[in-house]
C-alpha atoms as a PDB file:
ATOM      1  CA  MET A   1      94.091  62.274 122.207  1.00  0.00           C
ATOM      2  CA  THR A   2      90.427  61.221 122.486  1.00  0.00           C
ATOM      3  CA  LYS A   3      88.848  60.390 119.157  1.00  0.00           C
ATOM      4  CA  LYS A   4      85.795  62.434 118.255  1.00  0.00           C
ATOM      5  CA  PRO A   5      82.519  60.484 118.146  1.00  0.00           C
ATOM      6  CA  LEU A   6      81.388  59.570 114.646  1.00  0.00           C
ATOM      7  CA  ILE A   7      77.856  60.836 113.988  1.00  0.00           C
ATOM      8  CA  LEU A   8      75.678  59.781 111.050  1.00  0.00           C
ATOM      9  CA  VAL A   9      73.093  62.413 110.101  1.00  0.00           C
ATOM     10  CA  THR A  10      70.051  61.679 107.928  1.00  0.00           C
ATOM     11  CA  ASN A  11      66.425  62.769 107.486  1.00  0.00           C
ATOM     12  CA  ASP A  12      63.318  62.358 105.324  1.00  0.00           C
ATOM     13  CA  ASP A  13      62.782  65.943 104.116  1.00  0.00           C
ATOM     14  CA  GLY A  14      65.776  65.839 101.804  1.00  0.00           C
ATOM     15  CA  ILE A  15      69.422  66.782 102.185  1.00  0.00           C
ATOM     16  CA  THR A  16      68.854  70.504 101.519  1.00  0.00           C
ATOM     17  CA  ALA A  17      66.048  70.946 104.085  1.00  0.00           C
ATOM     18  CA  PRO A  18      66.699  73.614 106.734  1.00  0.00           C
ATOM     19  CA  GLY A  19      66.008  71.081 109.491  1.00  0.00           C
ATOM     20  CA  ILE A  20      68.874  68.775 108.547  1.00  0.00           C
ATOM     21  CA  ARG A  21      71.191  71.718 107.853  1.00  0.00           C
ATOM     22  CA  THR A  22      70.547  72.858 111.440  1.00  0.00           C
ATOM     23  CA  LEU A  23      71.161  69.362 112.798  1.00  0.00           C
ATOM     24  CA  ILE A  24      74.425  69.039 110.860  1.00  0.00           C
ATOM     25  CA  ALA A  25      75.687  72.325 112.323  1.00  0.00           C
ATOM     26  CA  VAL A  26      74.824  71.176 115.848  1.00  0.00           C
ATOM     27  CA  MET A  27      76.409  67.744 115.488  1.00  0.00           C
ATOM     28  CA  LYS A  28      79.620  69.255 114.087  1.00  0.00           C
ATOM     29  CA  THR A  29      80.152  70.893 117.499  1.00  0.00           C
ATOM     30  CA  ILE A  30      80.084  67.419 119.067  1.00  0.00           C
ATOM     31  CA  GLY A  31      81.902  65.083 116.713  1.00  0.00           C
ATOM     32  CA  GLU A  32      82.880  63.984 113.219  1.00  0.00           C
ATOM     33  CA  VAL A  33      79.837  64.167 110.954  1.00  0.00           C
ATOM     34  CA  VAL A  34      78.910  62.109 107.908  1.00  0.00           C
ATOM     35  CA  VAL A  35      75.645  62.943 106.148  1.00  0.00           C
ATOM     36  CA  VAL A  36      73.661  60.501 104.012  1.00  0.00           C
ATOM     37  CA  ALA A  37      70.186  61.779 103.206  1.00  0.00           C
ATOM     38  CA  PRO A  38      67.556  61.562 100.464  1.00  0.00           C
ATOM     39  CA  ASP A  39      67.993  63.715  97.376  1.00  0.00           C
ATOM     40  CA  SER A  40      64.290  64.660  97.543  1.00  0.00           C
ATOM     41  CA  PRO A  41      61.523  64.691 100.189  1.00  0.00           C
ATOM     42  CA  GLN A  42      60.555  61.233 101.478  1.00  0.00           C
ATOM     43  CA  SER A  43      58.011  62.108 104.166  1.00  0.00           C
ATOM     44  CA  GLY A  44      55.569  59.373 105.157  1.00  0.00           C
ATOM     45  CA  MET A  45      57.715  56.594 103.693  1.00  0.00           C
ATOM     46  CA  GLY A  46      57.871  54.720 106.984  1.00  0.00           C
ATOM     47  CA  HIS A  47      60.307  51.810 106.864  1.00  0.00           C
ATOM     48  CA  ALA A  48      60.183  51.434 103.081  1.00  0.00           C
ATOM     49  CA  VAL A  49      63.265  50.131 101.285  1.00  0.00           C
ATOM     50  CA  THR A  50      64.111  50.188  97.581  1.00  0.00           C
ATOM     51  CA  LEU A  51      63.932  46.688  96.117  1.00  0.00           C
ATOM     52  CA  ASP A  52      62.831  46.980  92.493  1.00  0.00           C
ATOM     53  CA  SER A  53      64.921  49.854  91.172  1.00  0.00           C
ATOM     54  CA  THR A  54      68.498  51.091  91.306  1.00  0.00           C
ATOM     55  CA  LEU A  55      69.913  53.376  93.983  1.00  0.00           C
ATOM     56  CA  HIS A  56      72.125  56.338  93.177  1.00  0.00           C
ATOM     57  CA  LEU A  57      74.576  57.911  95.596  1.00  0.00           C
ATOM     58  CA  GLU A  58      76.352  61.197  94.951  1.00  0.00           C
ATOM     59  CA  GLN A  59      78.805  63.130  97.090  1.00  0.00           C
ATOM     60  CA  VAL A  60      77.599  66.713  97.407  1.00  0.00           C
ATOM     61  CA  TYR A  61      78.945  69.999  98.758  1.00  0.00           C
ATOM     62  CA  ILE A  62      76.166  72.147 100.188  1.00  0.00           C
ATOM     63  CA  ASP A  63      77.627  74.103 103.093  1.00  0.00           C
ATOM     64  CA  ASP A  64      81.178  75.102 103.862  1.00  0.00           C
ATOM     65  CA  GLY A  65      82.749  72.542 106.161  1.00  0.00           C
ATOM     66  CA  ASP A  66      84.774  69.380 106.365  1.00  0.00           C
ATOM     67  CA  GLN A  67      81.866  66.963 106.788  1.00  0.00           C
ATOM     68  CA  LYS A  68      81.303  64.363 104.088  1.00  0.00           C
ATOM     69  CA  GLU A  69      77.821  64.530 102.541  1.00  0.00           C
ATOM     70  CA  TYR A  70      76.039  62.165 100.186  1.00  0.00           C
ATOM     71  CA  SER A  71      72.622  62.443  98.583  1.00  0.00           C
ATOM     72  CA  CYS A  72      70.810  59.170  97.956  1.00  0.00           C
ATOM     73  CA  SER A  73      67.971  58.509  95.525  1.00  0.00           C
ATOM     74  CA  GLY A  74      66.316  56.112  97.973  1.00  0.00           C
ATOM     75  CA  THR A  75      64.312  56.234 101.193  1.00  0.00           C
ATOM     76  CA  PRO A  76      65.560  57.290 104.635  1.00  0.00           C
ATOM     77  CA  VAL A  77      66.063  53.633 105.551  1.00  0.00           C
ATOM     78  CA  ASP A  78      68.038  53.117 102.332  1.00  0.00           C
ATOM     79  CA  CYS A  79      70.269  56.003 103.422  1.00  0.00           C
ATOM     80  CA  VAL A  80      71.163  54.326 106.706  1.00  0.00           C
ATOM     81  CA  LYS A  81      71.733  50.952 105.070  1.00  0.00           C
ATOM     82  CA  ILE A  82      73.980  52.303 102.319  1.00  0.00           C
ATOM     83  CA  ALA A  83      75.872  54.507 104.761  1.00  0.00           C
ATOM     84  CA  LYS A  84      76.745  51.504 106.905  1.00  0.00           C
ATOM     85  CA  SER A  85      77.627  49.242 103.990  1.00  0.00           C
ATOM     86  CA  GLU A  86      79.320  51.583 101.503  1.00  0.00           C
ATOM     87  CA  ILE A  87      80.454  54.810 103.142  1.00  0.00           C
ATOM     88  CA  LEU A  88      81.396  54.458 106.792  1.00  0.00           C
ATOM     89  CA  ASP A  89      84.620  52.713 107.776  1.00  0.00           C
ATOM     90  CA  ARG A  90      83.409  52.034 111.317  1.00  0.00           C
ATOM     91  CA  LYS A  91      80.131  51.863 113.201  1.00  0.00           C
ATOM     92  CA  PRO A  92      78.893  55.331 114.167  1.00  0.00           C
ATOM     93  CA  ASP A  93      78.749  56.274 117.811  1.00  0.00           C
ATOM     94  CA  LEU A  94      75.430  57.983 117.144  1.00  0.00           C
ATOM     95  CA  CYS A  95      72.811  58.356 114.397  1.00  0.00           C
ATOM     96  CA  VAL A  96      70.545  61.391 114.382  1.00  0.00           C
ATOM     97  CA  SER A  97      67.613  61.842 112.017  1.00  0.00           C
ATOM     98  CA  GLY A  98      65.830  65.135 111.329  1.00  0.00           C
ATOM     99  CA  ILE A  99      65.149  67.760 112.328  1.00  0.00           C
ATOM    100  CA  ASN A 100      61.832  66.917 110.720  1.00  0.00           C
ATOM    101  CA  HIS A 101      59.527  69.692 109.532  1.00  0.00           C
ATOM    102  CA  GLY A 102      56.370  68.602 111.381  1.00  0.00           C
ATOM    103  CA  SER A 103      55.296  66.405 114.265  1.00  0.00           C
ATOM    104  CA  ASN A 104      56.224  62.764 114.695  1.00  0.00           C
ATOM    105  CA  SER A 105      54.544  62.341 118.064  1.00  0.00           C
ATOM    106  CA  SER A 106      52.069  59.622 119.002  1.00  0.00           C
ATOM    107  CA  ILE A 107      50.906  57.328 116.161  1.00  0.00           C
ATOM    108  CA  ASN A 108      52.848  59.380 113.611  1.00  0.00           C
ATOM    109  CA  VAL A 109      55.952  57.422 114.604  1.00  0.00           C
ATOM    110  CA  ILE A 110      54.868  54.451 112.474  1.00  0.00           C
ATOM    111  CA  TYR A 111      54.454  56.533 109.301  1.00  0.00           C
ATOM    112  CA  SER A 112      57.567  58.632 109.761  1.00  0.00           C
ATOM    113  CA  GLY A 113      60.579  58.315 107.494  1.00  0.00           C
ATOM    114  CA  THR A 114      62.530  60.343 110.058  1.00  0.00           C
ATOM    115  CA  MET A 115      61.873  57.816 112.807  1.00  0.00           C
ATOM    116  CA  SER A 116      62.259  54.801 110.524  1.00  0.00           C
ATOM    117  CA  ALA A 117      65.797  55.937 109.697  1.00  0.00           C
ATOM    118  CA  ALA A 118      66.560  56.171 113.415  1.00  0.00           C
ATOM    119  CA  LEU A 119      64.989  52.758 114.023  1.00  0.00           C
ATOM    120  CA  GLU A 120      67.005  51.207 111.203  1.00  0.00           C
ATOM    121  CA  ALA A 121      70.193  52.509 112.803  1.00  0.00           C
ATOM    122  CA  GLY A 122      68.983  51.111 116.117  1.00  0.00           C
ATOM    123  CA  ILE A 123      68.516  47.695 114.518  1.00  0.00           C
ATOM    124  CA  GLU A 124      72.196  47.903 113.551  1.00  0.00           C
ATOM    125  CA  GLY A 125      73.139  48.548 117.177  1.00  0.00           C
ATOM    126  CA  ILE A 126      73.771  52.286 116.734  1.00  0.00           C
ATOM    127  CA  PRO A 127      72.427  54.608 119.477  1.00  0.00           C
ATOM    128  CA  SER A 128      69.874  56.685 117.588  1.00  0.00           C
ATOM    129  CA  ILE A 129      67.569  59.673 117.929  1.00  0.00           C
ATOM    130  CA  GLY A 130      64.828  61.060 115.712  1.00  0.00           C
ATOM    131  CA  PHE A 131      64.167  64.803 116.055  1.00  0.00           C
ATOM    132  CA  SER A 132      61.018  66.631 114.895  1.00  0.00           C
ATOM    133  CA  LEU A 133      59.665  70.168 115.245  1.00  0.00           C
ATOM    134  CA  LEU A 134      55.936  70.899 115.344  1.00  0.00           C
ATOM    135  CA  ASP A 135      56.199  73.361 112.476  1.00  0.00           C
ATOM    136  CA  TYR A 136      55.680  72.375 108.826  1.00  0.00           C
ATOM    137  CA  ASN A 137      56.969  75.710 107.566  1.00  0.00           C
ATOM    138  CA  TRP A 138      60.061  75.259 105.387  1.00  0.00           C
ATOM    139  CA  ASN A 139      61.550  78.366 107.034  1.00  0.00           C
ATOM    140  CA  ALA A 140      60.697  77.312 110.596  1.00  0.00           C
ATOM    141  CA  ASN A 141      62.763  78.634 113.506  1.00  0.00           C
ATOM    142  CA  PHE A 142      65.041  75.788 114.640  1.00  0.00           C
ATOM    143  CA  GLU A 143      66.971  77.744 117.300  1.00  0.00           C
ATOM    144  CA  ALA A 144      65.310  76.158 120.326  1.00  0.00           C
ATOM    145  CA  ALA A 145      65.348  72.700 118.737  1.00  0.00           C
ATOM    146  CA  ALA A 146      69.066  73.014 118.087  1.00  0.00           C
ATOM    147  CA  THR A 147      69.833  73.768 121.735  1.00  0.00           C
ATOM    148  CA  PHE A 148      67.869  70.803 123.067  1.00  0.00           C
ATOM    149  CA  ALA A 149      69.062  68.477 120.288  1.00  0.00           C
ATOM    150  CA  LYS A 150      72.653  69.069 121.355  1.00  0.00           C
ATOM    151  CA  SER A 151      71.877  68.387 125.010  1.00  0.00           C
ATOM    152  CA  ILE A 152      69.968  65.188 124.233  1.00  0.00           C
ATOM    153  CA  ALA A 153      72.647  63.923 121.829  1.00  0.00           C
ATOM    154  CA  LEU A 154      75.387  64.542 124.406  1.00  0.00           C
ATOM    155  CA  ASN A 155      73.381  62.603 126.992  1.00  0.00           C
ATOM    156  CA  VAL A 156      72.988  59.641 124.650  1.00  0.00           C
ATOM    157  CA  LEU A 157      76.709  59.653 123.859  1.00  0.00           C
ATOM    158  CA  LYS A 158      77.534  59.790 127.573  1.00  0.00           C
ATOM    159  CA  ASN A 159      74.980  57.328 128.915  1.00  0.00           C
ATOM    160  CA  GLY A 160      74.129  55.099 125.948  1.00  0.00           C
ATOM    161  CA  LEU A 161      70.703  53.603 125.294  1.00  0.00           C
ATOM    162  CA  PRO A 162      69.251  50.219 126.229  1.00  0.00           C
ATOM    163  CA  GLU A 163      69.549  47.578 123.534  1.00  0.00           C
ATOM    164  CA  GLY A 164      66.737  47.834 121.003  1.00  0.00           C
ATOM    165  CA  VAL A 165      65.659  51.340 122.069  1.00  0.00           C
ATOM    166  CA  VAL A 166      65.837  54.635 120.150  1.00  0.00           C
ATOM    167  CA  LEU A 167      64.538  58.053 121.163  1.00  0.00           C
ATOM    168  CA  ASN A 168      61.662  59.891 119.494  1.00  0.00           C
ATOM    169  CA  VAL A 169      62.115  63.586 120.313  1.00  0.00           C
ATOM    170  CA  ASN A 170      59.564  66.256 119.414  1.00  0.00           C
ATOM    171  CA  PHE A 171      59.934  69.997 119.943  1.00  0.00           C
ATOM    172  CA  PRO A 172      56.974  72.352 120.470  1.00  0.00           C
ATOM    173  CA  LYS A 173      56.664  75.358 118.191  1.00  0.00           C
ATOM    174  CA  LEU A 174      57.932  77.833 120.774  1.00  0.00           C
ATOM    175  CA  GLU A 175      60.796  80.239 121.305  1.00  0.00           C
ATOM    176  CA  LYS A 176      63.704  78.870 123.345  1.00  0.00           C
ATOM    177  CA  GLU A 177      62.843  80.904 126.436  1.00  0.00           C
ATOM    178  CA  GLU A 178      59.222  79.678 126.300  1.00  0.00           C
ATOM    179  CA  ILE A 179      60.080  75.965 126.502  1.00  0.00           C
ATOM    180  CA  LYS A 180      59.666  74.680 130.057  1.00  0.00           C
ATOM    181  CA  GLY A 181      62.065  71.742 129.768  1.00  0.00           C
ATOM    182  CA  VAL A 182      62.206  68.101 128.726  1.00  0.00           C
ATOM    183  CA  ARG A 183      59.655  65.428 129.618  1.00  0.00           C
ATOM    184  CA  ILE A 184      60.241  61.676 129.298  1.00  0.00           C
ATOM    185  CA  CYS A 185      56.891  60.416 128.022  1.00  0.00           C
ATOM    186  CA  ARG A 186      54.904  57.539 126.674  1.00  0.00           C
ATOM    187  CA  GLN A 187      53.352  57.612 123.220  1.00  0.00           C
ATOM    188  CA  ALA A 188      49.835  59.019 123.342  1.00  0.00           C
ATOM    189  CA  LYS A 189      46.952  56.886 122.130  1.00  0.00           C
ATOM    190  CA  ALA A 190      45.755  58.757 119.057  1.00  0.00           C
ATOM    191  CA  ASN A 191      44.939  58.201 115.409  1.00  0.00           C
ATOM    192  CA  TRP A 192      44.043  59.925 112.181  1.00  0.00           C
ATOM    193  CA  LYS A 193      40.397  60.258 111.164  1.00  0.00           C
ATOM    194  CA  GLU A 194      40.999  60.036 107.434  1.00  0.00           C
ATOM    195  CA  GLU A 195      38.947  61.075 104.447  1.00  0.00           C
ATOM    196  CA  PHE A 196      39.557  60.801 100.719  1.00  0.00           C
ATOM    197  CA  ASP A 197      38.616  63.874  98.727  1.00  0.00           C
ATOM    198  CA  LYS A 198      37.343  62.482  95.416  1.00  0.00           C
ATOM    199  CA  ARG A 199      37.855  64.710  92.371  1.00  0.00           C
ATOM    200  CA  VAL A 200      37.706  64.496  88.593  1.00  0.00           C
ATOM    201  CA  SER A 201      40.562  65.604  86.335  1.00  0.00           C
ATOM    202  CA  PRO A 202      39.967  67.783  83.239  1.00  0.00           C
ATOM    203  CA  GLN A 203      40.313  64.552  81.238  1.00  0.00           C
ATOM    204  CA  GLY A 204      37.402  63.035  83.185  1.00  0.00           C
ATOM    205  CA  LYS A 205      39.495  60.619  85.255  1.00  0.00           C
ATOM    206  CA  GLU A 206      38.693  60.230  88.947  1.00  0.00           C
ATOM    207  CA  TYR A 207      41.439  60.790  91.510  1.00  0.00           C
ATOM    208  CA  TYR A 208      41.735  61.201  95.286  1.00  0.00           C
ATOM    209  CA  TRP A 209      43.483  63.469  97.798  1.00  0.00           C
ATOM    210  CA  LEU A 210      44.061  61.997 101.261  1.00  0.00           C
ATOM    211  CA  THR A 211      42.967  64.372 104.006  1.00  0.00           C
ATOM    212  CA  GLY A 212      42.381  63.855 107.684  1.00  0.00           C
ATOM    213  CA  LYS A 213      42.239  65.117 111.221  1.00  0.00           C
ATOM    214  CA  PHE A 214      44.520  64.037 114.063  1.00  0.00           C
ATOM    215  CA  VAL A 215      42.474  62.839 117.046  1.00  0.00           C
ATOM    216  CA  ASN A 216      44.084  62.528 120.476  1.00  0.00           C
ATOM    217  CA  LEU A 217      42.160  59.892 122.439  1.00  0.00           C
ATOM    218  CA  ASP A 218      44.493  60.035 125.447  1.00  0.00           C
ATOM    219  CA  LYS A 219      43.812  62.279 128.454  1.00  0.00           C
ATOM    220  CA  GLY A 220      46.951  61.220 130.335  1.00  0.00           C
ATOM    221  CA  GLU A 221      49.444  63.825 131.501  1.00  0.00           C
ATOM    222  CA  ASP A 222      52.402  61.513 130.921  1.00  0.00           C
ATOM    223  CA  THR A 223      52.123  61.456 127.119  1.00  0.00           C
ATOM    224  CA  ASP A 224      54.063  63.152 124.351  1.00  0.00           C
ATOM    225  CA  GLU A 225      50.951  65.001 123.204  1.00  0.00           C
ATOM    226  CA  TRP A 226      50.356  66.446 126.677  1.00  0.00           C
ATOM    227  CA  ALA A 227      53.998  67.490 127.000  1.00  0.00           C
ATOM    228  CA  LEU A 228      54.024  69.263 123.643  1.00  0.00           C
ATOM    229  CA  GLN A 229      50.724  71.036 124.274  1.00  0.00           C
ATOM    230  CA  ASN A 230      52.064  72.251 127.615  1.00  0.00           C
ATOM    231  CA  GLY A 231      55.361  73.668 126.459  1.00  0.00           C
ATOM    232  CA  TYR A 232      57.766  70.763 126.949  1.00  0.00           C
ATOM    233  CA  VAL A 233      60.101  68.855 124.660  1.00  0.00           C
ATOM    234  CA  SER A 234      58.811  65.263 124.551  1.00  0.00           C
ATOM    235  CA  VAL A 235      61.210  62.317 124.624  1.00  0.00           C
ATOM    236  CA  VAL A 236      59.684  58.883 124.030  1.00  0.00           C
ATOM    237  CA  PRO A 237      61.847  55.754 124.151  1.00  0.00           C
ATOM    238  CA  VAL A 238      60.592  53.476 121.348  1.00  0.00           C
ATOM    239  CA  LYS A 239      61.572  49.961 120.341  1.00  0.00           C
ATOM    240  CA  PHE A 240      61.504  47.993 117.122  1.00  0.00           C
ATOM    241  CA  ASP A 241      60.506  44.690 118.760  1.00  0.00           C
ATOM    242  CA  LEU A 242      56.782  44.771 117.959  1.00  0.00           C
ATOM    243  CA  THR A 243      55.950  41.614 119.918  1.00  0.00           C
ATOM    244  CA  ALA A 244      52.933  42.050 122.196  1.00  0.00           C
ATOM    245  CA  HIS A 245      54.629  40.200 125.053  1.00  0.00           C
ATOM    246  CA  HIS A 246      51.652  40.620 127.385  1.00  0.00           C
ATOM    247  CA  CYS A 247      49.511  38.623 124.939  1.00  0.00           C
ATOM    248  CA  VAL A 248      51.746  35.560 124.529  1.00  0.00           C
ATOM    249  CA  GLN A 249      50.472  33.729 127.619  1.00  0.00           C
ATOM    250  CA  LYS A 250      46.808  34.247 126.661  1.00  0.00           C
ATOM    251  CA  LEU A 251      47.353  33.016 123.091  1.00  0.00           C
ATOM    252  CA  ASN A 252      49.005  29.876 124.473  1.00  0.00           C
ATOM    253  CA  THR A 253      45.636  28.951 126.051  1.00  0.00           C
ATOM    254  CA  TRP A 254      43.920  28.828 122.654  1.00  0.00           C
ATOM    255  CA  ASP A 255      43.163  25.484 121.047  1.00  0.00           C
ATOM    256  CA  PHE A 256      44.896  25.485 117.679  1.00  0.00           C
END
């Protein structure tokens, strides 16, 4: 009898978020699921780890089912680390993170707790995927995302991923029948034009709210932003080796 693949599920919106509950249900149709996710929202945490305070881990029972679930007081990356070290008895065949409430396309990948969890699993040699839906609504419709998430996960389990590569998958905010398909893309060149809204509290103390506008500087039709704006699911292979290899030769000509 063939053993079911072991799938680690995590996220950054918290273990009760509808996005991860959808992803758990999908992954249970594929393999044996273990969930380790934050006990509260951790959006925008990037690759943060907990170093100066204790971590708490609690087994929880949220939905009916035989999957093991644990809520962790730490960051998404903490969740992957503690799952590997303290919970799992073997290396997972797959790690999936999400489904995030909101986009993680383009430059957002470096801020994303969702993607950092997937990258951390990738560092550990686990084939990994981060999933995000372009809808920040807590009650977003995840039906289309669920269908494509299953297909993409099955492909990764069947074909594997190159060493050091994880997938960043974003779903447009569309009904299933409106999505045109899947596009393999590059990350669009874009950034956030940020502003700090300065205010004064009733006690007279100044404080700030970070606001901003996302600016797409890339006109290419091979990018994740183009795909999403044109009705496709975007799949970007990303890597955690940040070396600018093309620059090494030039730097070696400098006189240090």
